[in-house]
Amino acid sequence: MKRTLLLFLLLTSNMFGVFAYKQPSENIDNEVASNKYLSGQLETNSTTQCLSFPVVQFPKNSFSLSENCKDSLNYWYKLLLNNPTLVIQIDGHSDQTEKYPLKLSQKRAETCKNYLASMGIDSARLAAKGWGVSKLLIKNEQIRNAKNQAVKDSLLQLNRRSEFEIVRFDYPEK
């Protein structure tokens, strides 16, 4: 049986139906040192583990990286640097109100891949796949039922994201 570690973005819902995600801390080096997944101790003996990582989100109709996006990608950089046999797939997503959602989601995934490669991660360890609106985190019905436009905009924002999945543990170390 193929051993794969699936990463799920763990979103939490408060009583108002607003979702939150983890942002990287100010002192990412201490966070890396204290986290066994980032310090090179990633275990491969189970088929599925749920982990929480910072999310990479994008403005509407854009694939440019904000400082928050770069902070999240730097977190991934540390994980990949300390676990040199990992191969990941970056999944880009868009919401249903954006123009050309499939192309945009692919560009979002490629932007994340290019950023990590520019930091020195071998691009052969990085795959980019755009999913368009086929894997919405927040469904249309939930958005339609939002109480006001600000809540709708916040819910739509959650679909404008890139997620990461570890697909292999066997990349040859150099």
Protein backbone atom coordinates (compact mmCIF):
# COMPACT_ATOMS: atom_id res chain seq x y z
CA MET A 1 0.00 0.00 0.00
CA LYS A 2 1.37 3.39 -1.00
CA ARG A 3 2.19 5.46 2.05
CA THR A 4 1.12 9.01 1.69
CA LEU A 5 0.84 11.81 4.17
CA LEU A 6 -2.17 13.97 3.46
CA LEU A 7 -2.19 17.47 4.79
CA PHE A 8 -5.48 19.02 5.61
CA LEU A 9 -5.98 22.63 6.30
CA LEU A 10 -7.74 22.47 9.63
CA LEU A 11 -10.28 25.24 9.75
CA THR A 12 -12.19 26.02 12.88
CA SER A 13 -15.62 27.57 12.96
CA ASN A 14 -16.83 29.85 15.68
CA MET A 15 -20.48 30.32 16.55
CA PHE A 16 -20.89 33.01 13.88
CA GLY A 17 -19.77 30.69 11.09
CA VAL A 18 -16.57 32.64 10.46
CA PHE A 19 -13.51 30.56 9.70
CA ALA A 20 -10.03 31.17 11.03
CA TYR A 21 -6.66 29.84 9.96
CA LYS A 22 -3.25 29.64 11.56
CA GLN A 23 -0.77 32.38 10.78
CA PRO A 24 2.95 31.73 11.26
CA SER A 25 4.37 33.19 14.43
CA GLU A 26 6.73 36.15 14.54
CA ASN A 27 9.63 33.91 15.52
CA ILE A 28 9.39 31.14 12.96
CA ASP A 29 12.84 29.72 13.79
CA ASN A 30 11.75 28.83 17.35
CA GLU A 31 8.53 27.36 15.98
CA VAL A 32 10.51 25.19 13.58
CA ALA A 33 12.90 24.02 16.31
CA SER A 34 10.03 23.00 18.58
CA ASN A 35 7.96 21.30 15.87
CA LYS A 36 8.97 17.70 15.11
CA TYR A 37 7.50 17.98 11.61
CA LEU A 38 9.71 20.91 10.74
CA SER A 39 12.86 19.83 12.55
CA GLY A 40 13.51 16.81 10.33
CA GLN A 41 11.66 14.22 12.41
CA LEU A 42 8.70 13.64 10.10
CA GLU A 43 7.41 10.11 10.58
CA THR A 44 6.39 8.01 7.58
CA ASN A 45 4.95 4.98 9.35
CA SER A 46 1.29 5.96 9.10
CA THR A 47 -0.84 6.35 6.02
CA THR A 48 -2.62 9.55 7.03
CA GLN A 49 -1.82 12.29 9.51
CA CYS A 50 -3.71 15.56 9.88
CA LEU A 51 -1.48 18.53 10.46
CA SER A 52 -2.21 22.21 10.61
CA PHE A 53 -0.06 24.54 8.50
CA PRO A 54 -0.40 28.19 7.56
CA VAL A 55 -2.66 28.81 4.59
CA VAL A 56 -1.68 30.73 1.48
CA GLN A 57 -4.53 33.00 0.41
CA PHE A 58 -4.77 35.42 -2.51
CA PRO A 59 -6.69 38.60 -3.34
CA LYS A 60 -9.60 38.31 -5.77
CA ASN A 61 -8.54 37.77 -9.41
CA SER A 62 -4.86 37.77 -8.41
CA PHE A 63 -1.98 35.37 -8.04
CA SER A 64 0.46 37.84 -6.50
CA LEU A 65 2.00 37.02 -3.12
CA SER A 66 1.32 39.26 -0.13
CA GLU A 67 3.63 39.35 2.89
CA ASN A 68 1.26 36.95 4.70
CA CYS A 69 1.55 34.53 1.76
CA LYS A 70 5.33 34.76 1.92
CA ASP A 71 5.28 34.07 5.67
CA SER A 72 3.24 30.92 5.03
CA LEU A 73 5.53 29.85 2.19
CA ASN A 74 8.58 30.43 4.40
CA TYR A 75 7.05 27.97 6.84
CA TRP A 76 6.87 25.42 3.98
CA TYR A 77 10.40 26.28 2.96
CA LYS A 78 11.64 25.35 6.45
CA LEU A 79 9.70 22.07 6.37
CA LEU A 80 11.11 21.11 2.95
CA LEU A 81 14.62 22.20 3.87
CA ASN A 82 14.59 20.04 7.01
CA ASN A 83 12.92 17.07 5.29
CA PRO A 84 14.89 16.71 2.02
CA THR A 85 13.11 13.55 0.83
CA LEU A 86 9.63 15.12 0.74
CA VAL A 87 7.88 15.78 -2.55
CA ILE A 88 4.82 18.01 -2.44
CA GLN A 89 1.95 19.00 -4.67
CA ILE A 90 0.68 22.54 -4.41
CA ASP A 91 -3.05 22.74 -5.14
CA GLY A 92 -4.35 26.12 -6.31
CA HIS A 93 -8.01 27.04 -5.89
CA SER A 94 -10.30 29.93 -6.80
CA ASP A 95 -13.81 31.07 -5.97
CA GLN A 96 -16.81 31.11 -8.25
CA THR A 97 -16.78 34.91 -8.72
CA GLU A 98 -13.28 35.13 -10.21
CA LYS A 99 -12.51 35.43 -13.91
CA TYR A 100 -10.91 32.36 -15.55
CA PRO A 101 -10.86 30.30 -12.33
CA LEU A 102 -8.97 27.28 -13.69
CA LYS A 103 -6.13 29.35 -15.18
CA LEU A 104 -6.02 31.56 -12.09
CA SER A 105 -5.82 28.60 -9.72
CA GLN A 106 -2.99 27.08 -11.79
CA LYS A 107 -1.09 30.39 -11.67
CA ARG A 108 -1.57 30.51 -7.88
CA ALA A 109 -0.08 27.05 -7.51
CA GLU A 110 2.79 27.90 -9.87
CA THR A 111 3.48 31.15 -8.01
CA CYS A 112 3.90 29.20 -4.76
CA LYS A 113 6.10 26.63 -6.53
CA ASN A 114 8.28 29.34 -8.10
CA TYR A 115 8.69 31.11 -4.75
CA LEU A 116 9.88 27.91 -3.03
CA ALA A 117 12.19 27.12 -5.97
CA SER A 118 13.64 30.64 -5.81
CA MET A 119 14.51 29.95 -2.15
CA GLY A 120 16.56 26.91 -3.21
CA ILE A 121 14.08 24.02 -3.03
CA ASP A 122 14.63 21.69 -6.00
CA SER A 123 11.68 22.25 -8.37
CA ALA A 124 11.60 18.49 -9.04
CA ARG A 125 10.23 18.18 -5.47
CA LEU A 126 7.38 20.57 -6.25
CA ALA A 127 4.31 19.93 -8.40
CA ALA A 128 1.65 22.57 -9.12
CA LYS A 129 -1.98 21.78 -9.95
CA GLY A 130 -4.86 24.21 -10.44
CA TRP A 131 -8.32 23.00 -9.49
CA GLY A 132 -10.42 26.06 -10.31
CA VAL A 133 -13.73 25.88 -8.47
CA SER A 134 -13.93 22.07 -8.38
CA LYS A 135 -12.85 21.82 -4.72
CA LEU A 136 -14.54 24.71 -2.98
CA LEU A 137 -13.88 24.92 0.73
CA ILE A 138 -16.98 27.04 1.21
CA LYS A 139 -19.92 25.93 -0.95
CA ASN A 140 -22.25 28.26 -2.87
CA GLU A 141 -25.17 27.57 -0.54
CA GLN A 142 -23.16 28.68 2.49
CA ILE A 143 -22.20 31.88 0.70
CA ARG A 144 -25.78 32.60 -0.41
CA ASN A 145 -26.97 32.16 3.18
CA ALA A 146 -24.45 34.66 4.58
CA LYS A 147 -26.10 37.51 6.48
CA ASN A 148 -24.41 40.40 4.67
CA GLN A 149 -21.91 41.22 1.93
CA ALA A 150 -18.95 41.46 4.31
CA VAL A 151 -19.53 37.89 5.49
CA LYS A 152 -19.99 36.72 1.87
CA ASP A 153 -16.70 38.35 0.91
CA SER A 154 -14.93 36.69 3.85
CA LEU A 155 -16.32 33.29 2.90
CA LEU A 156 -15.37 33.74 -0.76
CA GLN A 157 -11.83 34.69 0.35
CA LEU A 158 -11.39 31.28 1.97
CA ASN A 159 -11.74 29.62 -1.46
CA ARG A 160 -8.89 31.73 -2.92
CA ARG A 161 -6.08 29.58 -1.62
CA SER A 162 -3.22 27.21 -2.22
CA GLU A 163 -3.00 24.02 -0.19
CA PHE A 164 -0.10 21.62 0.10
CA GLU A 165 -0.03 17.84 0.03
CA ILE A 166 2.97 15.65 0.71
CA VAL A 167 2.79 13.00 -1.99
CA ARG A 168 6.10 11.16 -1.57
CA PHE A 169 8.83 10.60 0.99
CA ASP A 170 11.41 9.07 -1.34
CA TYR A 171 13.11 11.94 -3.15
CA PRO A 172 16.83 11.07 -3.35
CA GLU A 173 18.92 13.16 -1.01
CA LYS A 174 21.87 15.00 -2.52
